[in-house]
C-alpha atoms as a PDB file:
ATOM      1  CA  UNK A   1      82.134 106.770 115.822  1.00  0.00           C
ATOM      2  CA  UNK A   2      82.632 105.159 112.428  1.00  0.00           C
ATOM      3  CA  UNK A   3      85.981 103.440 111.928  1.00  0.00           C
ATOM      4  CA  UNK A   4      88.279 102.444 109.101  1.00  0.00           C
ATOM      5  CA  UNK A   5      88.818  98.699 109.439  1.00  0.00           C
ATOM      6  CA  UNK A   6      90.708  95.759 107.978  1.00  0.00           C
ATOM      7  CA  UNK A   7      89.016  92.386 108.424  1.00  0.00           C
ATOM      8  CA  UNK A   8      90.117  88.770 108.057  1.00  0.00           C
ATOM      9  CA  UNK A   9      93.282  89.596 106.074  1.00  0.00           C
ATOM     10  CA  UNK A  10      95.539  86.530 105.921  1.00  0.00           C
ATOM     11  CA  UNK A  11      99.331  86.650 105.944  1.00  0.00           C
ATOM     12  CA  UNK A  12     101.977  83.947 106.054  1.00  0.00           C
ATOM     13  CA  UNK A  13     104.520  83.430 108.840  1.00  0.00           C
ATOM     14  CA  UNK A  14     106.988  85.481 106.793  1.00  0.00           C
ATOM     15  CA  UNK A  15     104.482  88.284 106.264  1.00  0.00           C
ATOM     16  CA  UNK A  16     103.280  87.720 102.696  1.00  0.00           C
ATOM     17  CA  UNK A  17      99.644  88.484 101.884  1.00  0.00           C
ATOM     18  CA  UNK A  18      99.780  86.911  98.438  1.00  0.00           C
ATOM     19  CA  UNK A  19     102.204  84.880  96.379  1.00  0.00           C
ATOM     20  CA  UNK A  20     104.268  85.559  93.290  1.00  0.00           C
ATOM     21  CA  UNK A  21     102.951  85.176  89.757  1.00  0.00           C
ATOM     22  CA  UNK A  22      99.394  86.512  89.965  1.00  0.00           C
ATOM     23  CA  UNK A  23      97.191  85.698  86.963  1.00  0.00           C
ATOM     24  CA  UNK A  24      93.572  85.104  86.023  1.00  0.00           C
ATOM     25  CA  UNK A  25      94.138  81.391  86.613  1.00  0.00           C
ATOM     26  CA  UNK A  26      96.052  81.955  89.873  1.00  0.00           C
ATOM     27  CA  UNK A  27      94.595  84.973  91.748  1.00  0.00           C
ATOM     28  CA  UNK A  28      97.020  84.458  94.651  1.00  0.00           C
ATOM     29  CA  UNK A  29      99.991  83.343  92.578  1.00  0.00           C
ATOM     30  CA  UNK A  30     102.096  80.435  93.788  1.00  0.00           C
ATOM     31  CA  UNK A  31     100.387  80.669  97.217  1.00  0.00           C
ATOM     32  CA  UNK A  32      97.216  79.146  95.801  1.00  0.00           C
ATOM     33  CA  UNK A  33      94.630  78.857  98.580  1.00  0.00           C
ATOM     34  CA  UNK A  34      97.141  78.212 101.370  1.00  0.00           C
ATOM     35  CA  UNK A  35      96.361  81.504 103.084  1.00  0.00           C
ATOM     36  CA  UNK A  36      92.602  80.962 103.042  1.00  0.00           C
ATOM     37  CA  UNK A  37      92.048  77.283 103.829  1.00  0.00           C
ATOM     38  CA  UNK A  38      91.252  78.190 107.442  1.00  0.00           C
ATOM     39  CA  UNK A  39      88.373  80.322 106.148  1.00  0.00           C
ATOM     40  CA  UNK A  40      86.938  77.756 103.749  1.00  0.00           C
ATOM     41  CA  UNK A  41      86.879  75.119 106.510  1.00  0.00           C
ATOM     42  CA  UNK A  42      84.407  77.075 108.660  1.00  0.00           C
ATOM     43  CA  UNK A  43      80.629  76.915 108.566  1.00  0.00           C
ATOM     44  CA  UNK A  44      80.602  80.548 107.367  1.00  0.00           C
ATOM     45  CA  UNK A  45      83.006  79.657 104.562  1.00  0.00           C
ATOM     46  CA  UNK A  46      81.013  76.598 103.500  1.00  0.00           C
ATOM     47  CA  UNK A  47      77.794  78.624 103.442  1.00  0.00           C
ATOM     48  CA  UNK A  48      79.418  81.231 101.170  1.00  0.00           C
ATOM     49  CA  UNK A  49      79.861  78.492  98.559  1.00  0.00           C
ATOM     50  CA  UNK A  50      76.478  76.870  99.090  1.00  0.00           C
ATOM     51  CA  UNK A  51      77.899  73.899 100.984  1.00  0.00           C
ATOM     52  CA  UNK A  52      76.830  72.221 104.212  1.00  0.00           C
ATOM     53  CA  UNK A  53      78.916  71.563 107.298  1.00  0.00           C
ATOM     54  CA  UNK A  54      82.040  73.389 108.378  1.00  0.00           C
ATOM     55  CA  UNK A  55      83.722  74.082 111.690  1.00  0.00           C
ATOM     56  CA  UNK A  56      82.457  76.341 114.439  1.00  0.00           C
ATOM     57  CA  UNK A  57      84.608  78.029 117.075  1.00  0.00           C
ATOM     58  CA  UNK A  58      86.718  81.165 117.031  1.00  0.00           C
ATOM     59  CA  UNK A  59      87.419  81.207 113.265  1.00  0.00           C
ATOM     60  CA  UNK A  60      83.747  80.918 112.362  1.00  0.00           C
ATOM     61  CA  UNK A  61      82.665  83.444 114.994  1.00  0.00           C
ATOM     62  CA  UNK A  62      85.112  86.082 113.749  1.00  0.00           C
ATOM     63  CA  UNK A  63      84.217  85.543 110.099  1.00  0.00           C
ATOM     64  CA  UNK A  64      80.567  86.218 110.892  1.00  0.00           C
ATOM     65  CA  UNK A  65      81.493  89.842 111.620  1.00  0.00           C
ATOM     66  CA  UNK A  66      82.500  90.347 107.959  1.00  0.00           C
ATOM     67  CA  UNK A  67      79.719  92.760 106.985  1.00  0.00           C
ATOM     68  CA  UNK A  68      78.559  93.951 110.412  1.00  0.00           C
ATOM     69  CA  UNK A  69      78.490  97.746 110.431  1.00  0.00           C
ATOM     70  CA  UNK A  70      80.208  98.119 107.059  1.00  0.00           C
ATOM     71  CA  UNK A  71      78.948 100.890 104.777  1.00  0.00           C
ATOM     72  CA  UNK A  72      81.628 100.918 102.064  1.00  0.00           C
ATOM     73  CA  UNK A  73      84.799  99.102 100.980  1.00  0.00           C
ATOM     74  CA  UNK A  74      88.072 100.268  99.433  1.00  0.00           C
ATOM     75  CA  UNK A  75      90.152  97.813  97.435  1.00  0.00           C
ATOM     76  CA  UNK A  76      93.162  97.918  95.178  1.00  0.00           C
ATOM     77  CA  UNK A  77      93.325  97.100  91.500  1.00  0.00           C
ATOM     78  CA  UNK A  78      94.824  93.658  92.123  1.00  0.00           C
ATOM     79  CA  UNK A  79      91.978  92.629  94.409  1.00  0.00           C
ATOM     80  CA  UNK A  80      89.366  93.622  91.848  1.00  0.00           C
ATOM     81  CA  UNK A  81      90.990  91.670  89.049  1.00  0.00           C
ATOM     82  CA  UNK A  82      93.950  89.876  87.516  1.00  0.00           C
ATOM     83  CA  UNK A  83      96.910  91.789  86.028  1.00  0.00           C
ATOM     84  CA  UNK A  84      95.599  93.305  82.798  1.00  0.00           C
ATOM     85  CA  UNK A  85      91.878  93.273  83.672  1.00  0.00           C
ATOM     86  CA  UNK A  86      91.750  96.910  82.594  1.00  0.00           C
ATOM     87  CA  UNK A  87      91.941  95.780  78.962  1.00  0.00           C
ATOM     88  CA  UNK A  88      88.953  93.433  79.401  1.00  0.00           C
ATOM     89  CA  UNK A  89      85.801  95.544  78.978  1.00  0.00           C
ATOM     90  CA  UNK A  90      83.642  92.682  80.292  1.00  0.00           C
ATOM     91  CA  UNK A  91      85.556  92.126  83.532  1.00  0.00           C
ATOM     92  CA  UNK A  92      83.378  92.791  86.588  1.00  0.00           C
ATOM     93  CA  UNK A  93      85.414  91.211  89.381  1.00  0.00           C
ATOM     94  CA  UNK A  94      85.979  87.708  90.717  1.00  0.00           C
ATOM     95  CA  UNK A  95      82.684  87.285  92.523  1.00  0.00           C
ATOM     96  CA  UNK A  96      79.915  86.836  89.949  1.00  0.00           C
ATOM     97  CA  UNK A  97      76.787  88.906  89.463  1.00  0.00           C
ATOM     98  CA  UNK A  98      75.681  88.894  93.134  1.00  0.00           C
ATOM     99  CA  UNK A  99      78.810  90.269  94.796  1.00  0.00           C
ATOM    100  CA  UNK A 100      79.442  89.673  98.535  1.00  0.00           C
ATOM    101  CA  UNK A 101      79.877  93.376  99.428  1.00  0.00           C
ATOM    102  CA  UNK A 102      76.357  94.870  99.100  1.00  0.00           C
ATOM    103  CA  UNK A 103      77.807  98.379  99.534  1.00  0.00           C
ATOM    104  CA  UNK A 104      79.632 100.948  97.429  1.00  0.00           C
ATOM    105  CA  UNK A 105      83.169  99.703  96.638  1.00  0.00           C
ATOM    106  CA  UNK A 106      85.967 102.078  95.650  1.00  0.00           C
ATOM    107  CA  UNK A 107      88.617 100.478  93.420  1.00  0.00           C
ATOM    108  CA  UNK A 108      91.965 102.264  93.412  1.00  0.00           C
ATOM    109  CA  UNK A 109      93.358 102.120  89.889  1.00  0.00           C
ATOM    110  CA  UNK A 110      95.109 104.356  87.372  1.00  0.00           C
ATOM    111  CA  UNK A 111      92.603 103.162  84.757  1.00  0.00           C
ATOM    112  CA  UNK A 112      89.387 105.071  85.389  1.00  0.00           C
ATOM    113  CA  UNK A 113      86.082 103.541  84.340  1.00  0.00           C
ATOM    114  CA  UNK A 114      82.396 104.344  84.682  1.00  0.00           C
ATOM    115  CA  UNK A 115      80.712 103.051  87.887  1.00  0.00           C
ATOM    116  CA  UNK A 116      79.676  99.406  87.661  1.00  0.00           C
ATOM    117  CA  UNK A 117      76.401  98.480  89.401  1.00  0.00           C
ATOM    118  CA  UNK A 118      75.819  94.836  90.333  1.00  0.00           C
ATOM    119  CA  UNK A 119      72.980  92.900  91.950  1.00  0.00           C
ATOM    120  CA  UNK A 120      72.550  93.092  95.710  1.00  0.00           C
ATOM    121  CA  UNK A 121      73.552  96.730  96.171  1.00  0.00           C
ATOM    122  CA  UNK A 122      77.217  96.562  95.152  1.00  0.00           C
ATOM    123  CA  UNK A 123      78.452  99.408  92.955  1.00  0.00           C
ATOM    124  CA  UNK A 124      82.121  99.648  91.986  1.00  0.00           C
ATOM    125  CA  UNK A 125      83.578 103.146  91.664  1.00  0.00           C
ATOM    126  CA  UNK A 126      86.990 103.416  89.974  1.00  0.00           C
ATOM    127  CA  UNK A 127      89.331 106.170  91.131  1.00  0.00           C
ATOM    128  CA  UNK A 128      92.951 107.246  90.847  1.00  0.00           C
ATOM    129  CA  UNK A 129      92.780 109.479  93.942  1.00  0.00           C
ATOM    130  CA  UNK A 130      95.325 109.033  96.794  1.00  0.00           C
ATOM    131  CA  UNK A 131      94.388 107.046  99.930  1.00  0.00           C
ATOM    132  CA  UNK A 132      93.163 109.938 102.091  1.00  0.00           C
ATOM    133  CA  UNK A 133      90.896 111.259  99.336  1.00  0.00           C
ATOM    134  CA  UNK A 134      89.496 107.821  98.562  1.00  0.00           C
ATOM    135  CA  UNK A 135      88.797 107.297 102.255  1.00  0.00           C
ATOM    136  CA  UNK A 136      86.904 110.611 102.387  1.00  0.00           C
ATOM    137  CA  UNK A 137      84.746 109.486  99.442  1.00  0.00           C
ATOM    138  CA  UNK A 138      84.118 106.099 101.037  1.00  0.00           C
ATOM    139  CA  UNK A 139      83.169 107.638 104.377  1.00  0.00           C
ATOM    140  CA  UNK A 140      80.615 109.867 102.693  1.00  0.00           C
ATOM    141  CA  UNK A 141      79.161 106.891 100.813  1.00  0.00           C
ATOM    142  CA  UNK A 142      79.112 104.769 104.001  1.00  0.00           C
ATOM    143  CA  UNK A 143      76.581 107.085 105.634  1.00  0.00           C
ATOM    144  CA  UNK A 144      78.019 106.933 109.135  1.00  0.00           C
ATOM    145  CA  UNK A 145      78.948 103.250 109.059  1.00  0.00           C
ATOM    146  CA  UNK A 146      82.474 101.803 108.967  1.00  0.00           C
ATOM    147  CA  UNK A 147      84.734 101.637 105.917  1.00  0.00           C
ATOM    148  CA  UNK A 148      86.552  98.370 105.223  1.00  0.00           C
ATOM    149  CA  UNK A 149      89.990  98.356 103.582  1.00  0.00           C
ATOM    150  CA  UNK A 150      89.753  95.096 101.699  1.00  0.00           C
ATOM    151  CA  UNK A 151      93.259  94.755 100.273  1.00  0.00           C
ATOM    152  CA  UNK A 152      95.335  93.722  98.490  1.00  0.00           C
ATOM    153  CA  UNK A 153      98.702  93.994 100.149  1.00  0.00           C
ATOM    154  CA  UNK A 154      99.882  97.222  98.505  1.00  0.00           C
ATOM    155  CA  UNK A 155      96.608  98.994  99.275  1.00  0.00           C
ATOM    156  CA  UNK A 156      96.642  97.924 102.918  1.00  0.00           C
ATOM    157  CA  UNK A 157     100.301  98.955 103.233  1.00  0.00           C
ATOM    158  CA  UNK A 158      99.558 102.396 101.765  1.00  0.00           C
ATOM    159  CA  UNK A 159      96.721 103.059 104.240  1.00  0.00           C
ATOM    160  CA  UNK A 160      98.853 101.875 107.161  1.00  0.00           C
ATOM    161  CA  UNK A 161     101.748 104.085 106.074  1.00  0.00           C
ATOM    162  CA  UNK A 162      99.466 107.135 106.139  1.00  0.00           C
ATOM    163  CA  UNK A 163      98.018 106.251 109.534  1.00  0.00           C
ATOM    164  CA  UNK A 164      94.484 105.783 108.232  1.00  0.00           C
ATOM    165  CA  UNK A 165      93.594 102.425 109.836  1.00  0.00           C
ATOM    166  CA  UNK A 166      91.697 102.420 113.156  1.00  0.00           C
ATOM    167  CA  UNK A 167      91.301  98.669 113.627  1.00  0.00           C
ATOM    168  CA  UNK A 168      92.967  95.782 111.816  1.00  0.00           C
ATOM    169  CA  UNK A 169      92.331  92.046 112.015  1.00  0.00           C
ATOM    170  CA  UNK A 170      95.133  89.964 110.503  1.00  0.00           C
ATOM    171  CA  UNK A 171      95.191  86.176 110.421  1.00  0.00           C
ATOM    172  CA  UNK A 172      98.658  84.625 110.586  1.00  0.00           C
ATOM    173  CA  UNK A 173      98.606  81.307 108.761  1.00  0.00           C
ATOM    174  CA  UNK A 174     101.306  78.685 109.559  1.00  0.00           C
ATOM    175  CA  UNK A 175     102.864  78.584 106.099  1.00  0.00           C
ATOM    176  CA  UNK A 176     106.054  80.135 104.697  1.00  0.00           C
ATOM    177  CA  UNK A 177     105.672  81.541 101.180  1.00  0.00           C
ATOM    178  CA  UNK A 178     109.170  82.946 100.686  1.00  0.00           C
ATOM    179  CA  UNK A 179     108.131  85.324  97.910  1.00  0.00           C
ATOM    180  CA  UNK A 180     105.247  87.462  96.775  1.00  0.00           C
ATOM    181  CA  UNK A 181     103.931  90.727  98.257  1.00  0.00           C
ATOM    182  CA  UNK A 182     105.001  91.284 101.862  1.00  0.00           C
ATOM    183  CA  UNK A 183     102.779  93.434 104.052  1.00  0.00           C
ATOM    184  CA  UNK A 184     105.336  94.840 106.493  1.00  0.00           C
ATOM    185  CA  UNK A 185     107.892  96.277 104.066  1.00  0.00           C
ATOM    186  CA  UNK A 186     108.462  99.953 104.867  1.00  0.00           C
ATOM    187  CA  UNK A 187     106.322  99.825 108.027  1.00  0.00           C
ATOM    188  CA  UNK A 188     109.030  99.546 110.678  1.00  0.00           C
ATOM    189  CA  UNK A 189     107.687 100.490 114.109  1.00  0.00           C
ATOM    190  CA  UNK A 190     104.026 100.264 113.080  1.00  0.00           C
ATOM    191  CA  UNK A 191     103.317  98.198 116.199  1.00  0.00           C
ATOM    192  CA  UNK A 192     103.918 101.263 118.376  1.00  0.00           C
ATOM    193  CA  UNK A 193     100.714 102.866 117.056  1.00  0.00           C
ATOM    194  CA  UNK A 194      98.437  99.994 118.102  1.00  0.00           C
ATOM    195  CA  UNK A 195      97.342  97.883 121.035  1.00  0.00           C
ATOM    196  CA  UNK A 196      97.761  94.308 119.801  1.00  0.00           C
ATOM    197  CA  UNK A 197      95.939  91.181 120.970  1.00  0.00           C
ATOM    198  CA  UNK A 198      96.718  87.658 119.764  1.00  0.00           C
ATOM    199  CA  UNK A 199      94.183  84.819 119.820  1.00  0.00           C
ATOM    200  CA  UNK A 200      95.375  81.365 118.715  1.00  0.00           C
ATOM    201  CA  UNK A 201      92.856  79.046 117.081  1.00  0.00           C
ATOM    202  CA  UNK A 202      92.710  75.226 117.121  1.00  0.00           C
ATOM    203  CA  UNK A 203      92.917  75.423 113.309  1.00  0.00           C
ATOM    204  CA  UNK A 204      96.529  76.594 113.647  1.00  0.00           C
ATOM    205  CA  UNK A 205      96.022  80.228 112.667  1.00  0.00           C
ATOM    206  CA  UNK A 206      96.544  83.187 115.007  1.00  0.00           C
ATOM    207  CA  UNK A 207      94.068  86.064 114.977  1.00  0.00           C
ATOM    208  CA  UNK A 208      95.923  89.356 115.479  1.00  0.00           C
ATOM    209  CA  UNK A 209      93.823  92.376 116.463  1.00  0.00           C
ATOM    210  CA  UNK A 210      95.378  95.834 116.102  1.00  0.00           C
ATOM    211  CA  UNK A 211      93.470  98.733 117.709  1.00  0.00           C
ATOM    212  CA  UNK A 212      94.780 102.281 117.327  1.00  0.00           C
ATOM    213  CA  UNK A 213      96.068 103.733 120.606  1.00  0.00           C
ATOM    214  CA  UNK A 214      94.501 106.818 122.095  1.00  0.00           C
END
């Protein structure tokens, strides 16, 4: 059965999924790339940027599942662009012309816009519908495959609060950010809904797998 999944979402030791002060120049605010260095060090991460080398092992193996079985993605406004991107008619995301998704992507935003088709099969659909309705649209577009909730923090929190996530992979990175957008706010007791497995990596991160009970 198709699932609603979160993959490779990094958080700090104090639970922040991004820093404070997001901008076009600083997509993750004061956190910079601290939450994602583990990813860029792998062979998968190097390949994504056209580079050679990179580590193998558990981090690389998990990252290689990024697009396996995925038929659509849902993301929030702040993942698609910097604060104020809605006023930039030419903005088409952070990822260039050949986006890494290769599926329909549903962007949750109050600023509706015509669908944006990119190379490689990615089409962005902009919607102001609530989480459950967006998920229904994404499932239909996914054609029986899984739907990925791609972030950012507020979007992931909203789907968790409504009990819409079947499987979630978080990566706890050994840094303390102190400020920004914290994932767990308002989600007290969320752990009771999931079976949780922790896998430490030699890189210092901990892979946390949440699978819905029942």
